[in-house]
PDB file of N, CA and C in Angstrom:
ATOM      1  N   UNK A   1     -67.205 -37.449 102.841  1.00  0.00           N
ATOM      2  CA  UNK A   1     -66.000 -38.163 102.446  1.00  0.00           C
ATOM      3  C   UNK A   1     -65.527 -39.009 103.615  1.00  0.00           C
ATOM      4  N   UNK A   2     -65.172 -40.206 103.330  1.00  0.00           N
ATOM      5  CA  UNK A   2     -64.677 -41.106 104.353  1.00  0.00           C
ATOM      6  C   UNK A   2     -63.162 -40.952 104.463  1.00  0.00           C
ATOM      7  N   UNK A   3     -62.590 -41.323 105.591  1.00  0.00           N
ATOM      8  CA  UNK A   3     -61.149 -41.128 105.790  1.00  0.00           C
ATOM      9  C   UNK A   3     -60.316 -41.735 104.668  1.00  0.00           C
ATOM     10  N   UNK A   4     -59.356 -40.959 104.201  1.00  0.00           N
ATOM     11  CA  UNK A   4     -58.386 -41.402 103.204  1.00  0.00           C
ATOM     12  C   UNK A   4     -59.033 -41.922 101.927  1.00  0.00           C
ATOM     13  N   UNK A   5     -60.185 -41.387 101.560  1.00  0.00           N
ATOM     14  CA  UNK A   5     -60.805 -41.741 100.296  1.00  0.00           C
ATOM     15  C   UNK A   5     -61.407 -43.125 100.247  1.00  0.00           C
ATOM     16  N   UNK A   6     -61.815 -43.654 101.395  1.00  0.00           N
ATOM     17  CA  UNK A   6     -62.412 -44.995 101.419  1.00  0.00           C
ATOM     18  C   UNK A   6     -63.923 -44.895 101.615  1.00  0.00           C
ATOM     19  N   UNK A   7     -64.637 -45.853 101.064  1.00  0.00           N
ATOM     20  CA  UNK A   7     -66.083 -45.904 101.264  1.00  0.00           C
ATOM     21  C   UNK A   7     -66.394 -46.703 102.532  1.00  0.00           C
ATOM     22  N   UNK A   8     -67.663 -46.917 102.793  1.00  0.00           N
ATOM     23  CA  UNK A   8     -68.075 -47.618 104.015  1.00  0.00           C
ATOM     24  C   UNK A   8     -67.522 -49.043 104.099  1.00  0.00           C
ATOM     25  N   UNK A   9     -67.294 -49.662 102.952  1.00  0.00           N
ATOM     26  CA  UNK A   9     -66.778 -51.026 102.933  1.00  0.00           C
ATOM     27  C   UNK A   9     -65.252 -51.070 103.065  1.00  0.00           C
ATOM     28  N   UNK A  10     -64.617 -49.909 103.090  1.00  0.00           N
ATOM     29  CA  UNK A  10     -63.168 -49.853 103.223  1.00  0.00           C
ATOM     30  C   UNK A  10     -62.411 -49.836 101.916  1.00  0.00           C
ATOM     31  N   UNK A  11     -63.139 -49.892 100.796  1.00  0.00           N
ATOM     32  CA  UNK A  11     -62.487 -49.827  99.490  1.00  0.00           C
ATOM     33  C   UNK A  11     -62.190 -48.372  99.145  1.00  0.00           C
ATOM     34  N   UNK A  12     -61.149 -48.170  98.343  1.00  0.00           N
ATOM     35  CA  UNK A  12     -60.839 -46.816  97.905  1.00  0.00           C
ATOM     36  C   UNK A  12     -61.874 -46.340  96.900  1.00  0.00           C
ATOM     37  N   UNK A  13     -62.248 -45.085  97.017  1.00  0.00           N
ATOM     38  CA  UNK A  13     -63.150 -44.460  96.063  1.00  0.00           C
ATOM     39  C   UNK A  13     -62.308 -44.068  94.853  1.00  0.00           C
ATOM     40  N   UNK A  14     -62.735 -44.461  93.673  1.00  0.00           N
ATOM     41  CA  UNK A  14     -61.959 -44.225  92.467  1.00  0.00           C
ATOM     42  C   UNK A  14     -62.306 -42.870  91.864  1.00  0.00           C
ATOM     43  N   UNK A  15     -61.422 -41.879  91.988  1.00  0.00           N
ATOM     44  CA  UNK A  15     -61.698 -40.618  91.316  1.00  0.00           C
ATOM     45  C   UNK A  15     -61.457 -40.759  89.814  1.00  0.00           C
ATOM     46  N   UNK A  16     -62.352 -40.164  89.043  1.00  0.00           N
ATOM     47  CA  UNK A  16     -62.204 -40.106  87.593  1.00  0.00           C
ATOM     48  C   UNK A  16     -62.148 -38.635  87.215  1.00  0.00           C
ATOM     49  N   UNK A  17     -61.062 -38.238  86.577  1.00  0.00           N
ATOM     50  CA  UNK A  17     -60.871 -36.861  86.145  1.00  0.00           C
ATOM     51  C   UNK A  17     -61.022 -36.838  84.633  1.00  0.00           C
ATOM     52  N   UNK A  18     -61.893 -35.972  84.125  1.00  0.00           N
ATOM     53  CA  UNK A  18     -62.078 -35.836  82.685  1.00  0.00           C
ATOM     54  C   UNK A  18     -61.520 -34.495  82.244  1.00  0.00           C
ATOM     55  N   UNK A  19     -60.630 -34.534  81.264  1.00  0.00           N
ATOM     56  CA  UNK A  19     -60.021 -33.328  80.713  1.00  0.00           C
ATOM     57  C   UNK A  19     -60.494 -33.196  79.274  1.00  0.00           C
ATOM     58  N   UNK A  20     -61.130 -32.087  78.968  1.00  0.00           N
ATOM     59  CA  UNK A  20     -61.532 -31.808  77.590  1.00  0.00           C
ATOM     60  C   UNK A  20     -60.600 -30.724  77.074  1.00  0.00           C
ATOM     61  N   UNK A  21     -59.950 -31.018  75.945  1.00  0.00           N
ATOM     62  CA  UNK A  21     -58.954 -30.089  75.432  1.00  0.00           C
ATOM     63  C   UNK A  21     -58.791 -30.284  73.938  1.00  0.00           C
ATOM     64  N   UNK A  22     -58.060 -29.372  73.338  1.00  0.00           N
ATOM     65  CA  UNK A  22     -57.658 -29.524  71.954  1.00  0.00           C
ATOM     66  C   UNK A  22     -56.536 -30.545  71.861  1.00  0.00           C
ATOM     67  N   UNK A  23     -56.175 -30.916  70.645  1.00  0.00           N
ATOM     68  CA  UNK A  23     -55.128 -31.920  70.452  1.00  0.00           C
ATOM     69  C   UNK A  23     -53.796 -31.493  71.079  1.00  0.00           C
ATOM     70  N   UNK A  24     -53.139 -32.440  71.721  1.00  0.00           N
ATOM     71  CA  UNK A  24     -51.817 -32.235  72.319  1.00  0.00           C
ATOM     72  C   UNK A  24     -50.963 -33.460  72.006  1.00  0.00           C
ATOM     73  N   UNK A  25     -49.665 -33.325  72.151  1.00  0.00           N
ATOM     74  CA  UNK A  25     -48.756 -34.446  71.894  1.00  0.00           C
ATOM     75  C   UNK A  25     -48.895 -35.504  72.992  1.00  0.00           C
ATOM     76  N   UNK A  26     -48.474 -36.708  72.667  1.00  0.00           N
ATOM     77  CA  UNK A  26     -48.507 -37.797  73.640  1.00  0.00           C
ATOM     78  C   UNK A  26     -47.641 -37.446  74.844  1.00  0.00           C
ATOM     79  N   UNK A  27     -46.505 -36.802  74.619  1.00  0.00           N
ATOM     80  CA  UNK A  27     -45.617 -36.430  75.722  1.00  0.00           C
ATOM     81  C   UNK A  27     -46.320 -35.489  76.698  1.00  0.00           C
ATOM     82  N   UNK A  28     -47.028 -34.492  76.182  1.00  0.00           N
ATOM     83  CA  UNK A  28     -47.751 -33.557  77.048  1.00  0.00           C
ATOM     84  C   UNK A  28     -48.880 -34.257  77.796  1.00  0.00           C
ATOM     85  N   UNK A  29     -49.569 -35.176  77.129  1.00  0.00           N
ATOM     86  CA  UNK A  29     -50.652 -35.900  77.800  1.00  0.00           C
ATOM     87  C   UNK A  29     -50.110 -36.814  78.895  1.00  0.00           C
ATOM     88  N   UNK A  30     -48.974 -37.439  78.656  1.00  0.00           N
ATOM     89  CA  UNK A  30     -48.350 -38.262  79.706  1.00  0.00           C
ATOM     90  C   UNK A  30     -48.055 -37.423  80.943  1.00  0.00           C
ATOM     91  N   UNK A  31     -47.473 -36.252  80.722  1.00  0.00           N
ATOM     92  CA  UNK A  31     -47.130 -35.375  81.843  1.00  0.00           C
ATOM     93  C   UNK A  31     -48.384 -34.888  82.563  1.00  0.00           C
ATOM     94  N   UNK A  32     -49.417 -34.559  81.822  1.00  0.00           N
ATOM     95  CA  UNK A  32     -50.675 -34.126  82.423  1.00  0.00           C
ATOM     96  C   UNK A  32     -51.257 -35.227  83.308  1.00  0.00           C
ATOM     97  N   UNK A  33     -51.309 -36.440  82.787  1.00  0.00           N
ATOM     98  CA  UNK A  33     -51.844 -37.573  83.552  1.00  0.00           C
ATOM     99  C   UNK A  33     -51.015 -37.792  84.816  1.00  0.00           C
ATOM    100  N   UNK A  34     -49.706 -37.713  84.704  1.00  0.00           N
ATOM    101  CA  UNK A  34     -48.836 -37.901  85.867  1.00  0.00           C
ATOM    102  C   UNK A  34     -49.095 -36.842  86.928  1.00  0.00           C
ATOM    103  N   UNK A  35     -49.180 -35.574  86.506  1.00  0.00           N
ATOM    104  CA  UNK A  35     -49.366 -34.500  87.478  1.00  0.00           C
ATOM    105  C   UNK A  35     -50.749 -34.538  88.130  1.00  0.00           C
ATOM    106  N   UNK A  36     -51.775 -34.844  87.354  1.00  0.00           N
ATOM    107  CA  UNK A  36     -53.122 -34.957  87.930  1.00  0.00           C
ATOM    108  C   UNK A  36     -53.166 -36.110  88.925  1.00  0.00           C
ATOM    109  N   UNK A  37     -52.591 -37.245  88.546  1.00  0.00           N
ATOM    110  CA  UNK A  37     -52.564 -38.395  89.450  1.00  0.00           C
ATOM    111  C   UNK A  37     -51.827 -38.047  90.736  1.00  0.00           C
ATOM    112  N   UNK A  38     -50.667 -37.429  90.616  1.00  0.00           N
ATOM    113  CA  UNK A  38     -49.897 -37.034  91.802  1.00  0.00           C
ATOM    114  C   UNK A  38     -50.699 -36.103  92.702  1.00  0.00           C
ATOM    115  N   UNK A  39     -51.438 -35.172  92.103  1.00  0.00           N
ATOM    116  CA  UNK A  39     -52.239 -34.232  92.898  1.00  0.00           C
ATOM    117  C   UNK A  39     -53.306 -34.964  93.710  1.00  0.00           C
ATOM    118  N   UNK A  40     -53.970 -35.935  93.103  1.00  0.00           N
ATOM    119  CA  UNK A  40     -54.993 -36.698  93.828  1.00  0.00           C
ATOM    120  C   UNK A  40     -54.369 -37.579  94.903  1.00  0.00           C
ATOM    121  N   UNK A  41     -53.241 -38.192  94.603  1.00  0.00           N
ATOM    122  CA  UNK A  41     -52.548 -39.019  95.594  1.00  0.00           C
ATOM    123  C   UNK A  41     -52.163 -38.167  96.801  1.00  0.00           C
ATOM    124  N   UNK A  42     -51.622 -36.977  96.558  1.00  0.00           N
ATOM    125  CA  UNK A  42     -51.218 -36.085  97.651  1.00  0.00           C
ATOM    126  C   UNK A  42     -52.413 -35.554  98.434  1.00  0.00           C
ATOM    127  N   UNK A  43     -53.448 -35.124  97.726  1.00  0.00           N
ATOM    128  CA  UNK A  43     -54.596 -34.492  98.390  1.00  0.00           C
ATOM    129  C   UNK A  43     -55.463 -35.496  99.143  1.00  0.00           C
ATOM    130  N   UNK A  44     -55.690 -36.659  98.552  1.00  0.00           N
ATOM    131  CA  UNK A  44     -56.620 -37.629  99.133  1.00  0.00           C
ATOM    132  C   UNK A  44     -55.932 -38.796  99.827  1.00  0.00           C
ATOM    133  N   UNK A  45     -54.606 -38.876  99.694  1.00  0.00           N
ATOM    134  CA  UNK A  45     -53.848 -39.982 100.295  1.00  0.00           C
ATOM    135  C   UNK A  45     -54.379 -41.340  99.829  1.00  0.00           C
ATOM    136  N   UNK A  46     -54.504 -41.475  98.529  1.00  0.00           N
ATOM    137  CA  UNK A  46     -54.995 -42.716  97.935  1.00  0.00           C
ATOM    138  C   UNK A  46     -53.918 -43.285  97.013  1.00  0.00           C
ATOM    139  N   UNK A  47     -53.978 -44.574  96.719  1.00  0.00           N
ATOM    140  CA  UNK A  47     -53.003 -45.156  95.796  1.00  0.00           C
ATOM    141  C   UNK A  47     -53.191 -44.608  94.378  1.00  0.00           C
ATOM    142  N   UNK A  48     -52.091 -44.417  93.684  1.00  0.00           N
ATOM    143  CA  UNK A  48     -52.148 -43.919  92.305  1.00  0.00           C
ATOM    144  C   UNK A  48     -52.992 -44.830  91.419  1.00  0.00           C
ATOM    145  N   UNK A  49     -53.018 -46.108  91.731  1.00  0.00           N
ATOM    146  CA  UNK A  49     -53.759 -47.074  90.912  1.00  0.00           C
ATOM    147  C   UNK A  49     -55.263 -46.815  90.908  1.00  0.00           C
ATOM    148  N   UNK A  50     -55.751 -46.037  91.869  1.00  0.00           N
ATOM    149  CA  UNK A  50     -57.190 -45.781  91.935  1.00  0.00           C
ATOM    150  C   UNK A  50     -57.611 -44.555  91.136  1.00  0.00           C
ATOM    151  N   UNK A  51     -56.655 -43.782  90.640  1.00  0.00           N
ATOM    152  CA  UNK A  51     -56.962 -42.536  89.922  1.00  0.00           C
ATOM    153  C   UNK A  51     -57.024 -42.822  88.429  1.00  0.00           C
ATOM    154  N   UNK A  52     -58.122 -42.396  87.803  1.00  0.00           N
ATOM    155  CA  UNK A  52     -58.247 -42.504  86.352  1.00  0.00           C
ATOM    156  C   UNK A  52     -58.341 -41.104  85.768  1.00  0.00           C
ATOM    157  N   UNK A  53     -57.622 -40.881  84.673  1.00  0.00           N
ATOM    158  CA  UNK A  53     -57.679 -39.605  83.958  1.00  0.00           C
ATOM    159  C   UNK A  53     -58.112 -39.915  82.535  1.00  0.00           C
ATOM    160  N   UNK A  54     -59.221 -39.318  82.144  1.00  0.00           N
ATOM    161  CA  UNK A  54     -59.740 -39.504  80.787  1.00  0.00           C
ATOM    162  C   UNK A  54     -59.518 -38.210  80.021  1.00  0.00           C
ATOM    163  N   UNK A  55     -58.864 -38.302  78.887  1.00  0.00           N
ATOM    164  CA  UNK A  55     -58.605 -37.129  78.057  1.00  0.00           C
ATOM    165  C   UNK A  55     -59.489 -37.219  76.824  1.00  0.00           C
ATOM    166  N   UNK A  56     -60.312 -36.205  76.660  1.00  0.00           N
ATOM    167  CA  UNK A  56     -61.182 -36.113  75.488  1.00  0.00           C
ATOM    168  C   UNK A  56     -60.646 -34.979  74.621  1.00  0.00           C
ATOM    169  N   UNK A  57     -60.099 -35.335  73.476  1.00  0.00           N
ATOM    170  CA  UNK A  57     -59.555 -34.319  72.581  1.00  0.00           C
ATOM    171  C   UNK A  57     -60.619 -33.891  71.577  1.00  0.00           C
ATOM    172  N   UNK A  58     -60.750 -32.600  71.455  1.00  0.00           N
ATOM    173  CA  UNK A  58     -61.724 -32.019  70.541  1.00  0.00           C
ATOM    174  C   UNK A  58     -60.949 -31.332  69.417  1.00  0.00           C
ATOM    175  N   UNK A  59     -61.182 -31.718  68.161  1.00  0.00           N
ATOM    176  CA  UNK A  59     -60.489 -31.065  67.053  1.00  0.00           C
ATOM    177  C   UNK A  59     -60.800 -29.566  67.018  1.00  0.00           C
ATOM    178  N   UNK A  60     -59.851 -28.787  66.534  1.00  0.00           N
ATOM    179  CA  UNK A  60     -60.039 -27.332  66.520  1.00  0.00           C
ATOM    180  C   UNK A  60     -61.204 -26.895  65.638  1.00  0.00           C
ATOM    181  N   UNK A  61     -61.632 -27.752  64.708  1.00  0.00           N
ATOM    182  CA  UNK A  61     -62.789 -27.384  63.884  1.00  0.00           C
ATOM    183  C   UNK A  61     -64.109 -27.792  64.527  1.00  0.00           C
ATOM    184  N   UNK A  62     -64.042 -28.270  65.772  1.00  0.00           N
ATOM    185  CA  UNK A  62     -65.255 -28.714  66.461  1.00  0.00           C
ATOM    186  C   UNK A  62     -65.554 -27.934  67.728  1.00  0.00           C
ATOM    187  N   UNK A  63     -64.872 -26.807  67.959  1.00  0.00           N
ATOM    188  CA  UNK A  63     -65.198 -25.966  69.107  1.00  0.00           C
ATOM    189  C   UNK A  63     -64.763 -24.533  68.824  1.00  0.00           C
ATOM    190  N   UNK A  64     -65.380 -23.635  69.532  1.00  0.00           N
ATOM    191  CA  UNK A  64     -65.074 -22.224  69.340  1.00  0.00           C
ATOM    192  C   UNK A  64     -65.071 -21.476  70.648  1.00  0.00           C
ATOM    193  N   UNK A  65     -64.581 -20.257  70.592  1.00  0.00           N
ATOM    194  CA  UNK A  65     -64.552 -19.378  71.756  1.00  0.00           C
ATOM    195  C   UNK A  65     -64.707 -17.947  71.269  1.00  0.00           C
ATOM    196  N   UNK A  66     -65.432 -17.168  72.042  1.00  0.00           N
ATOM    197  CA  UNK A  66     -65.641 -15.748  71.735  1.00  0.00           C
ATOM    198  C   UNK A  66     -66.227 -15.552  70.337  1.00  0.00           C
ATOM    199  N   UNK A  67     -67.089 -16.478  69.937  1.00  0.00           N
ATOM    200  CA  UNK A  67     -67.780 -16.342  68.663  1.00  0.00           C
ATOM    201  C   UNK A  67     -66.979 -16.764  67.445  1.00  0.00           C
ATOM    202  N   UNK A  68     -65.812 -17.370  67.658  1.00  0.00           N
ATOM    203  CA  UNK A  68     -64.951 -17.755  66.546  1.00  0.00           C
ATOM    204  C   UNK A  68     -64.581 -19.226  66.660  1.00  0.00           C
ATOM    205  N   UNK A  69     -64.660 -19.933  65.549  1.00  0.00           N
ATOM    206  CA  UNK A  69     -64.218 -21.315  65.517  1.00  0.00           C
ATOM    207  C   UNK A  69     -62.713 -21.338  65.777  1.00  0.00           C
ATOM    208  N   UNK A  70     -62.270 -22.206  66.654  1.00  0.00           N
ATOM    209  CA  UNK A  70     -60.860 -22.244  67.034  1.00  0.00           C
ATOM    210  C   UNK A  70     -59.959 -22.505  65.832  1.00  0.00           C
ATOM    211  N   UNK A  71     -60.409 -23.287  64.880  1.00  0.00           N
ATOM    212  CA  UNK A  71     -59.618 -23.568  63.680  1.00  0.00           C
ATOM    213  C   UNK A  71     -59.366 -22.314  62.859  1.00  0.00           C
ATOM    214  N   UNK A  72     -60.205 -21.294  63.017  1.00  0.00           N
ATOM    215  CA  UNK A  72     -60.059 -20.062  62.243  1.00  0.00           C
ATOM    216  C   UNK A  72     -59.111 -19.057  62.883  1.00  0.00           C
ATOM    217  N   UNK A  73     -58.618 -19.360  64.045  1.00  0.00           N
ATOM    218  CA  UNK A  73     -57.720 -18.409  64.720  1.00  0.00           C
ATOM    219  C   UNK A  73     -56.311 -18.534  64.225  1.00  0.00           C
TER     220      UNK A  73
END
């Protein structure tokens, strides 16, 4: 890692965070994106504009846990 999240050319390295989750409200997703961005800004000392958060929502009928489809819980 280069100082303060910069590459050899001095540009900021763009972190991309991918969150896979079930459906959530827009308000909750806004807060999640804000908190993840803040965490990267604090930890890496990089501008917020360089942080990307991708949210992939998976419907409850398309994933399961412990042998049970989540939609069936």
